[in-house]
């Protein structure tokens, strides 16, 4: 097999691509070896003896699979996290989520007359002070308070 280094280089320049993308028909290497001018190379390109390979892309299969799994809530453990504790969601955003849920539940309880307006105001102020961890904690507190008042 002859050395087709210069032909490959010329073909790359003629087709305006990289040398690695030049495809030379293995059955016509002797014909390509005889081509010594750019015009010879152009003729071989037109004849199909020399051609372009497709551009090699990056497969998205793995990234799509990972994205699908993250959507399910997977791949989010301690080993996958970077940054500080509050880097993913700020402490203020966490607070806003929690306090809105608690206040919504408080309003529902007041409207359904589970608690009085005075109790509502007292519990509202306690929640504002960060007394309740979550809605469940609020409901448990109200139930326990009710049990104590019945005794």
N, C-alpha and C. Protein backbone atom coordinates (compact mmCIF):
# COMPACT_ATOMS: atom_id res chain seq x y z
N UNK A 1 0.84 -1.19 0.00
CA UNK A 1 0.00 0.00 0.00
C UNK A 1 0.88 1.24 0.00
N UNK A 2 0.57 2.18 -0.88
CA UNK A 2 1.40 3.37 -1.03
C UNK A 2 1.03 4.44 -0.01
N UNK A 3 1.93 5.39 0.20
CA UNK A 3 1.72 6.48 1.13
C UNK A 3 0.89 7.58 0.46
N UNK A 4 -0.28 7.83 0.99
CA UNK A 4 -1.20 8.82 0.38
C UNK A 4 -1.31 10.08 1.23
N UNK A 5 -0.24 10.37 1.96
CA UNK A 5 -0.26 11.50 2.90
C UNK A 5 -0.51 12.83 2.18
N UNK A 6 0.24 13.08 1.12
CA UNK A 6 0.10 14.37 0.41
C UNK A 6 -1.25 14.45 -0.31
N UNK A 7 -1.73 13.31 -0.85
CA UNK A 7 -3.04 13.31 -1.52
C UNK A 7 -4.16 13.60 -0.50
N UNK A 8 -4.02 12.99 0.67
CA UNK A 8 -5.02 13.23 1.74
C UNK A 8 -5.03 14.71 2.14
N UNK A 9 -3.81 15.28 2.26
CA UNK A 9 -3.69 16.70 2.64
C UNK A 9 -4.32 17.59 1.58
N UNK A 10 -4.02 17.32 0.31
CA UNK A 10 -4.58 18.14 -0.78
C UNK A 10 -6.09 17.98 -0.84
N UNK A 11 -6.57 16.77 -0.67
CA UNK A 11 -8.01 16.52 -0.71
C UNK A 11 -8.72 17.29 0.41
N UNK A 12 -8.09 17.33 1.58
CA UNK A 12 -8.65 18.07 2.71
C UNK A 12 -8.75 19.56 2.38
N UNK A 13 -7.72 20.09 1.74
CA UNK A 13 -7.73 21.51 1.36
C UNK A 13 -8.75 21.78 0.27
N UNK A 14 -8.85 20.88 -0.71
CA UNK A 14 -9.79 21.05 -1.82
C UNK A 14 -11.23 21.02 -1.32
N UNK A 15 -11.53 20.06 -0.41
CA UNK A 15 -12.90 19.91 0.10
C UNK A 15 -13.18 20.79 1.31
N UNK A 16 -12.13 21.50 1.78
CA UNK A 16 -12.26 22.41 2.93
C UNK A 16 -12.73 21.68 4.19
N UNK A 17 -12.07 20.56 4.48
CA UNK A 17 -12.36 19.78 5.69
C UNK A 17 -11.05 19.35 6.32
N UNK A 18 -11.11 18.68 7.47
CA UNK A 18 -9.90 18.18 8.12
C UNK A 18 -9.41 16.91 7.46
N UNK A 19 -8.12 16.63 7.63
CA UNK A 19 -7.52 15.44 7.00
C UNK A 19 -8.16 14.15 7.48
N UNK A 20 -8.60 14.12 8.72
CA UNK A 20 -9.20 12.90 9.27
C UNK A 20 -10.56 12.59 8.65
N UNK A 21 -11.18 13.58 8.04
CA UNK A 21 -12.50 13.35 7.42
C UNK A 21 -12.41 12.93 5.96
N UNK A 22 -11.19 12.84 5.41
CA UNK A 22 -11.03 12.45 4.01
C UNK A 22 -11.14 10.93 3.92
N UNK A 23 -12.05 10.45 3.07
CA UNK A 23 -12.19 9.00 2.81
C UNK A 23 -11.68 8.69 1.41
N UNK A 24 -10.77 7.74 1.36
CA UNK A 24 -10.20 7.31 0.08
C UNK A 24 -10.64 5.87 -0.15
N UNK A 25 -11.22 5.62 -1.31
CA UNK A 25 -11.71 4.28 -1.66
C UNK A 25 -10.54 3.29 -1.66
N UNK A 26 -10.59 2.27 -0.79
CA UNK A 26 -9.46 1.35 -0.68
C UNK A 26 -9.19 0.56 -1.98
N UNK A 27 -10.19 0.44 -2.83
CA UNK A 27 -10.00 -0.31 -4.09
C UNK A 27 -9.28 0.51 -5.16
N UNK A 28 -9.22 1.83 -4.97
CA UNK A 28 -8.61 2.70 -5.98
C UNK A 28 -7.41 3.47 -5.43
N UNK A 29 -6.68 2.86 -4.51
CA UNK A 29 -5.53 3.57 -3.92
C UNK A 29 -4.42 3.83 -4.95
N UNK A 30 -4.28 2.91 -5.89
CA UNK A 30 -3.24 3.12 -6.92
C UNK A 30 -3.56 4.33 -7.80
N UNK A 31 -4.87 4.51 -8.09
CA UNK A 31 -5.29 5.67 -8.89
C UNK A 31 -5.06 6.97 -8.11
N UNK A 32 -5.32 6.93 -6.80
CA UNK A 32 -5.14 8.10 -5.95
C UNK A 32 -3.64 8.42 -5.82
N UNK A 33 -2.82 7.38 -5.72
CA UNK A 33 -1.37 7.59 -5.59
C UNK A 33 -0.79 8.30 -6.82
N UNK A 34 -1.38 8.09 -7.98
CA UNK A 34 -0.91 8.73 -9.21
C UNK A 34 -1.31 10.20 -9.28
N UNK A 35 -2.34 10.59 -8.52
CA UNK A 35 -2.81 11.99 -8.54
C UNK A 35 -1.79 12.86 -7.82
N UNK A 36 -1.18 13.80 -8.56
CA UNK A 36 -0.15 14.64 -7.91
C UNK A 36 -0.51 16.13 -7.95
N UNK A 37 -1.56 16.48 -8.67
CA UNK A 37 -1.97 17.90 -8.69
C UNK A 37 -3.33 18.05 -8.04
N UNK A 38 -3.64 19.29 -7.68
CA UNK A 38 -4.95 19.56 -7.08
C UNK A 38 -6.08 19.23 -8.05
N UNK A 39 -5.84 19.47 -9.32
CA UNK A 39 -6.87 19.18 -10.33
C UNK A 39 -7.15 17.66 -10.38
N UNK A 40 -6.09 16.87 -10.27
CA UNK A 40 -6.26 15.41 -10.22
C UNK A 40 -7.14 15.03 -9.03
N UNK A 41 -6.87 15.65 -7.90
CA UNK A 41 -7.64 15.37 -6.67
C UNK A 41 -9.10 15.79 -6.87
N UNK A 42 -9.31 16.99 -7.47
CA UNK A 42 -10.69 17.45 -7.73
C UNK A 42 -11.44 16.45 -8.59
N UNK A 43 -10.78 15.93 -9.61
CA UNK A 43 -11.40 14.95 -10.50
C UNK A 43 -11.78 13.68 -9.74
N UNK A 44 -10.91 13.23 -8.82
CA UNK A 44 -11.19 12.04 -8.01
C UNK A 44 -12.36 12.29 -7.05
N UNK A 45 -12.44 13.51 -6.53
CA UNK A 45 -13.56 13.87 -5.64
C UNK A 45 -14.87 13.83 -6.42
N UNK A 46 -14.86 14.40 -7.63
CA UNK A 46 -16.07 14.38 -8.47
C UNK A 46 -16.44 12.96 -8.86
N UNK A 47 -15.43 12.11 -9.09
CA UNK A 47 -15.68 10.72 -9.46
C UNK A 47 -16.14 9.85 -8.29
N UNK A 48 -15.96 10.31 -7.07
CA UNK A 48 -16.40 9.55 -5.89
C UNK A 48 -15.33 8.66 -5.30
N UNK A 49 -14.11 8.71 -5.83
CA UNK A 49 -13.01 7.90 -5.29
C UNK A 49 -12.56 8.48 -3.95
N UNK A 50 -12.59 9.80 -3.85
CA UNK A 50 -12.30 10.48 -2.59
C UNK A 50 -13.60 11.16 -2.16
N UNK A 51 -13.91 11.02 -0.88
CA UNK A 51 -15.18 11.57 -0.38
C UNK A 51 -15.00 12.12 1.04
N UNK A 52 -16.04 12.79 1.54
CA UNK A 52 -16.03 13.31 2.92
C UNK A 52 -16.68 12.30 3.84
N UNK A 53 -16.09 12.13 5.02
CA UNK A 53 -16.77 11.35 6.06
C UNK A 53 -17.70 12.30 6.80
N UNK A 54 -18.74 11.74 7.43
CA UNK A 54 -19.67 12.57 8.20
C UNK A 54 -18.96 13.14 9.42
N UNK A 55 -19.44 14.28 9.89
CA UNK A 55 -18.89 14.89 11.10
C UNK A 55 -19.30 14.03 12.29
N UNK A 56 -18.34 13.71 13.13
CA UNK A 56 -18.64 12.90 14.32
C UNK A 56 -19.23 13.82 15.38
N UNK A 57 -20.44 13.50 15.81
CA UNK A 57 -21.10 14.30 16.83
C UNK A 57 -20.94 13.67 18.20
N UNK A 58 -21.45 14.36 19.22
CA UNK A 58 -21.45 13.83 20.57
C UNK A 58 -22.83 13.25 20.84
N UNK A 59 -22.87 12.01 21.28
CA UNK A 59 -24.14 11.35 21.54
C UNK A 59 -24.83 11.97 22.75
N UNK A 60 -26.14 12.19 22.62
CA UNK A 60 -26.91 12.77 23.72
C UNK A 60 -27.61 11.68 24.53
N UNK A 61 -27.39 10.41 24.17
CA UNK A 61 -28.13 9.32 24.81
C UNK A 61 -27.93 9.30 26.32
N UNK A 62 -26.68 9.38 26.77
CA UNK A 62 -26.41 9.32 28.21
C UNK A 62 -27.02 10.50 28.93
N UNK A 63 -26.87 11.70 28.34
CA UNK A 63 -27.39 12.89 29.02
C UNK A 63 -28.92 12.85 29.08
N UNK A 64 -29.56 12.32 28.02
CA UNK A 64 -31.02 12.20 28.05
C UNK A 64 -31.48 11.23 29.13
N UNK A 65 -30.75 10.12 29.24
CA UNK A 65 -31.09 9.11 30.26
C UNK A 65 -30.95 9.71 31.66
N UNK A 66 -29.84 10.44 31.89
CA UNK A 66 -29.61 11.06 33.19
C UNK A 66 -30.67 12.10 33.51
N UNK A 67 -31.06 12.87 32.51
CA UNK A 67 -32.08 13.90 32.71
C UNK A 67 -33.41 13.26 33.10
N UNK A 68 -33.73 12.15 32.42
CA UNK A 68 -34.97 11.41 32.71
C UNK A 68 -34.97 10.91 34.15
N UNK A 69 -33.80 10.41 34.60
CA UNK A 69 -33.71 9.90 35.96
C UNK A 69 -33.78 11.02 36.99
N UNK A 70 -33.18 12.17 36.67
CA UNK A 70 -33.25 13.30 37.58
C UNK A 70 -34.68 13.81 37.72
N UNK A 71 -35.44 13.71 36.62
CA UNK A 71 -36.84 14.12 36.65
C UNK A 71 -37.62 13.25 37.62
N UNK A 72 -37.21 11.97 37.74
CA UNK A 72 -37.85 11.04 38.67
C UNK A 72 -37.40 11.30 40.11
N UNK A 73 -36.35 12.15 40.25
CA UNK A 73 -35.85 12.44 41.60
C UNK A 73 -34.63 11.62 41.96
N UNK A 74 -34.08 10.90 40.99
CA UNK A 74 -32.89 10.10 41.25
C UNK A 74 -31.63 10.91 40.95
N UNK A 75 -30.48 10.34 41.27
CA UNK A 75 -29.17 10.96 41.01
C UNK A 75 -29.01 12.31 41.70
N UNK A 76 -29.65 12.47 42.84
CA UNK A 76 -29.57 13.76 43.54
C UNK A 76 -29.04 13.61 44.95
N UNK A 77 -28.36 12.48 45.22
CA UNK A 77 -27.85 12.22 46.57
C UNK A 77 -26.69 13.12 46.95
N UNK A 78 -26.14 12.88 48.13
CA UNK A 78 -25.06 13.72 48.66
C UNK A 78 -23.85 13.76 47.73
N UNK A 79 -23.54 12.65 47.08
CA UNK A 79 -22.37 12.59 46.21
C UNK A 79 -22.50 13.42 44.95
N UNK A 80 -23.73 13.77 44.57
CA UNK A 80 -23.96 14.54 43.34
C UNK A 80 -24.06 16.03 43.60
N UNK A 81 -24.07 16.41 44.86
CA UNK A 81 -24.29 17.82 45.19
C UNK A 81 -22.98 18.57 45.27
N UNK A 82 -23.01 19.81 44.79
CA UNK A 82 -21.84 20.67 44.90
C UNK A 82 -22.29 21.99 45.50
N UNK A 83 -21.39 22.64 46.20
CA UNK A 83 -21.73 23.92 46.81
C UNK A 83 -22.23 23.76 48.23
N UNK A 84 -22.57 24.88 48.83
CA UNK A 84 -23.00 24.91 50.22
C UNK A 84 -24.41 24.35 50.37
N UNK A 85 -24.84 24.19 51.60
CA UNK A 85 -26.15 23.62 51.90
C UNK A 85 -27.27 24.42 51.24
N UNK A 86 -27.14 25.72 51.24
CA UNK A 86 -28.20 26.57 50.69
C UNK A 86 -27.95 26.98 49.24
N UNK A 87 -27.00 26.31 48.59
CA UNK A 87 -26.69 26.70 47.21
C UNK A 87 -27.79 26.30 46.24
N UNK A 88 -28.47 25.19 46.52
CA UNK A 88 -29.51 24.70 45.62
C UNK A 88 -30.80 25.47 45.80
N UNK A 89 -31.17 25.72 47.03
CA UNK A 89 -32.34 26.54 47.31
C UNK A 89 -32.00 27.39 48.53
N UNK A 90 -32.12 28.70 48.40
CA UNK A 90 -31.71 29.57 49.49
C UNK A 90 -32.60 29.37 50.70
N UNK A 91 -32.07 29.70 51.86
CA UNK A 91 -32.83 29.53 53.10
C UNK A 91 -34.08 30.41 53.08
N UNK A 92 -33.99 31.53 52.38
CA UNK A 92 -35.16 32.42 52.28
C UNK A 92 -36.27 31.76 51.46
N UNK A 93 -35.89 31.11 50.37
CA UNK A 93 -36.89 30.43 49.54
C UNK A 93 -37.54 29.29 50.31
N UNK A 94 -36.72 28.56 51.08
CA UNK A 94 -37.27 27.47 51.91
C UNK A 94 -38.26 28.05 52.91
N UNK A 95 -37.90 29.17 53.54
CA UNK A 95 -38.78 29.83 54.51
C UNK A 95 -40.09 30.25 53.85
N UNK A 96 -39.99 30.86 52.66
CA UNK A 96 -41.19 31.33 51.96
C UNK A 96 -42.14 30.18 51.68
N UNK A 97 -41.59 29.06 51.21
CA UNK A 97 -42.43 27.88 50.94
C UNK A 97 -43.13 27.42 52.21
N UNK A 98 -42.37 27.33 53.30
CA UNK A 98 -42.90 26.81 54.55
C UNK A 98 -43.96 27.74 55.15
N UNK A 99 -43.65 29.03 55.20
CA UNK A 99 -44.57 29.97 55.85
C UNK A 99 -45.86 30.13 55.06
N UNK A 100 -45.77 30.08 53.73
CA UNK A 100 -46.98 30.19 52.90
C UNK A 100 -47.90 29.01 53.12
N UNK A 101 -47.30 27.82 53.22
CA UNK A 101 -48.10 26.62 53.46
C UNK A 101 -48.78 26.69 54.83
N UNK A 102 -48.04 27.12 55.83
CA UNK A 102 -48.58 27.22 57.20
C UNK A 102 -49.70 28.25 57.26
N UNK A 103 -49.47 29.41 56.64
CA UNK A 103 -50.49 30.47 56.68
C UNK A 103 -51.75 30.07 55.93
N UNK A 104 -51.59 29.38 54.82
CA UNK A 104 -52.75 28.89 54.06
C UNK A 104 -53.56 27.94 54.93
N UNK A 105 -52.86 27.02 55.60
CA UNK A 105 -53.55 26.05 56.47
C UNK A 105 -54.22 26.77 57.63
N UNK A 106 -53.58 27.77 58.19
CA UNK A 106 -54.18 28.54 59.29
C UNK A 106 -55.49 29.19 58.85
N UNK A 107 -55.49 29.78 57.65
CA UNK A 107 -56.71 30.42 57.13
C UNK A 107 -57.81 29.40 56.93
N UNK A 108 -57.45 28.22 56.42
CA UNK A 108 -58.44 27.15 56.24
C UNK A 108 -59.04 26.76 57.58
N UNK A 109 -58.18 26.60 58.59
CA UNK A 109 -58.65 26.20 59.93
C UNK A 109 -59.58 27.26 60.52
N UNK A 110 -59.26 28.53 60.29
CA UNK A 110 -60.11 29.61 60.80
C UNK A 110 -61.46 29.63 60.09
N UNK A 111 -61.42 29.47 58.76
CA UNK A 111 -62.67 29.49 57.98
C UNK A 111 -63.56 28.29 58.29
N UNK A 112 -62.95 27.13 58.58
CA UNK A 112 -63.72 25.93 58.94
C UNK A 112 -64.07 25.92 60.42
N UNK A 113 -63.71 26.99 61.13
CA UNK A 113 -63.98 27.18 62.55
C UNK A 113 -63.39 26.09 63.43
N UNK A 114 -62.22 25.59 63.03
CA UNK A 114 -61.47 24.67 63.88
C UNK A 114 -60.79 25.47 64.99
N UNK A 115 -60.46 26.75 64.68
CA UNK A 115 -59.85 27.65 65.66
C UNK A 115 -60.59 28.98 65.63
N UNK A 116 -60.53 29.70 66.73
CA UNK A 116 -61.17 31.02 66.80
C UNK A 116 -60.23 32.07 66.20
N UNK A 117 -60.76 33.28 66.05
CA UNK A 117 -59.95 34.37 65.50
C UNK A 117 -58.78 34.70 66.42
N UNK A 118 -59.03 34.64 67.74
CA UNK A 118 -57.96 34.93 68.71
C UNK A 118 -56.86 33.87 68.62
N UNK A 119 -57.28 32.60 68.54
CA UNK A 119 -56.31 31.51 68.41
C UNK A 119 -55.55 31.64 67.09
N UNK A 120 -56.28 32.03 66.03
CA UNK A 120 -55.67 32.22 64.72
C UNK A 120 -54.54 33.24 64.82
N UNK A 121 -54.83 34.39 65.46
CA UNK A 121 -53.84 35.45 65.57
C UNK A 121 -52.63 34.98 66.37
N UNK A 122 -52.88 34.25 67.46
CA UNK A 122 -51.80 33.73 68.30
C UNK A 122 -50.92 32.76 67.51
N UNK A 123 -51.57 31.83 66.78
CA UNK A 123 -50.83 30.84 65.99
C UNK A 123 -50.10 31.50 64.82
N UNK A 124 -50.73 32.53 64.24
CA UNK A 124 -50.12 33.27 63.13
C UNK A 124 -48.80 33.90 63.60
N UNK A 125 -48.85 34.53 64.76
CA UNK A 125 -47.65 35.18 65.30
C UNK A 125 -46.57 34.15 65.66
N UNK A 126 -47.02 33.00 66.18
CA UNK A 126 -46.05 31.94 66.50
C UNK A 126 -45.37 31.44 65.23
N UNK A 127 -46.16 31.26 64.16
CA UNK A 127 -45.59 30.78 62.90
C UNK A 127 -44.64 31.81 62.32
N UNK A 128 -45.00 33.08 62.50
CA UNK A 128 -44.14 34.16 62.01
C UNK A 128 -42.80 34.15 62.75
N UNK A 129 -42.82 33.72 63.98
CA UNK A 129 -41.59 33.64 64.79
C UNK A 129 -40.81 32.37 64.55
N UNK A 130 -41.31 31.50 63.67
CA UNK A 130 -40.58 30.28 63.35
C UNK A 130 -40.84 29.15 64.32
N UNK A 131 -41.95 29.18 65.02
CA UNK A 131 -42.27 28.16 66.01
C UNK A 131 -42.57 26.81 65.36
N UNK A 132 -43.27 26.84 64.22
CA UNK A 132 -43.69 25.59 63.58
C UNK A 132 -42.71 25.18 62.48
N UNK A 133 -42.36 23.88 62.49
CA UNK A 133 -41.46 23.32 61.47
C UNK A 133 -42.16 23.22 60.13
N UNK A 134 -43.45 22.78 60.17
CA UNK A 134 -44.21 22.58 58.95
C UNK A 134 -45.70 22.52 59.29
N UNK A 135 -46.53 22.27 58.29
CA UNK A 135 -47.98 22.24 58.48
C UNK A 135 -48.38 21.14 59.46
N UNK A 136 -47.71 19.99 59.35
CA UNK A 136 -48.01 18.87 60.24
C UNK A 136 -47.78 19.25 61.70
N UNK A 137 -46.69 19.96 61.96
CA UNK A 137 -46.36 20.40 63.31
C UNK A 137 -47.45 21.36 63.83
N UNK A 138 -47.90 22.24 62.96
CA UNK A 138 -48.99 23.17 63.32
C UNK A 138 -50.24 22.40 63.70
N UNK A 139 -50.64 21.43 62.87
CA UNK A 139 -51.86 20.66 63.13
C UNK A 139 -51.75 19.87 64.43
N UNK A 140 -50.58 19.25 64.68
CA UNK A 140 -50.37 18.51 65.93
C UNK A 140 -50.48 19.45 67.14
N UNK A 141 -49.91 20.64 66.99
CA UNK A 141 -49.96 21.63 68.08
C UNK A 141 -51.40 22.01 68.39
N UNK A 142 -52.20 22.25 67.35
CA UNK A 142 -53.61 22.63 67.53
C UNK A 142 -54.38 21.48 68.19
N UNK A 143 -54.15 20.24 67.72
CA UNK A 143 -54.84 19.08 68.30
C UNK A 143 -54.50 18.92 69.78
N UNK A 144 -53.21 19.01 70.11
CA UNK A 144 -52.78 18.88 71.50
C UNK A 144 -53.36 19.98 72.36
N UNK A 145 -53.45 21.18 71.81
CA UNK A 145 -54.01 22.32 72.55
C UNK A 145 -55.49 22.09 72.82
N UNK A 146 -56.18 21.54 71.80
CA UNK A 146 -57.61 21.25 71.94
C UNK A 146 -57.82 20.17 73.01
N UNK A 147 -56.96 19.13 73.01
CA UNK A 147 -57.08 18.05 73.97
C UNK A 147 -56.91 18.58 75.39
N UNK A 148 -55.95 19.49 75.57
CA UNK A 148 -55.69 20.06 76.90
C UNK A 148 -56.87 20.90 77.37
N UNK A 149 -57.48 21.66 76.42
CA UNK A 149 -58.58 22.54 76.83
C UNK A 149 -59.84 21.73 77.16
N UNK A 150 -60.02 20.53 76.58
CA UNK A 150 -61.19 19.70 76.86
C UNK A 150 -61.07 19.06 78.23
N UNK A 151 -59.85 18.79 78.69
CA UNK A 151 -59.66 18.11 79.99
C UNK A 151 -59.96 18.99 81.16
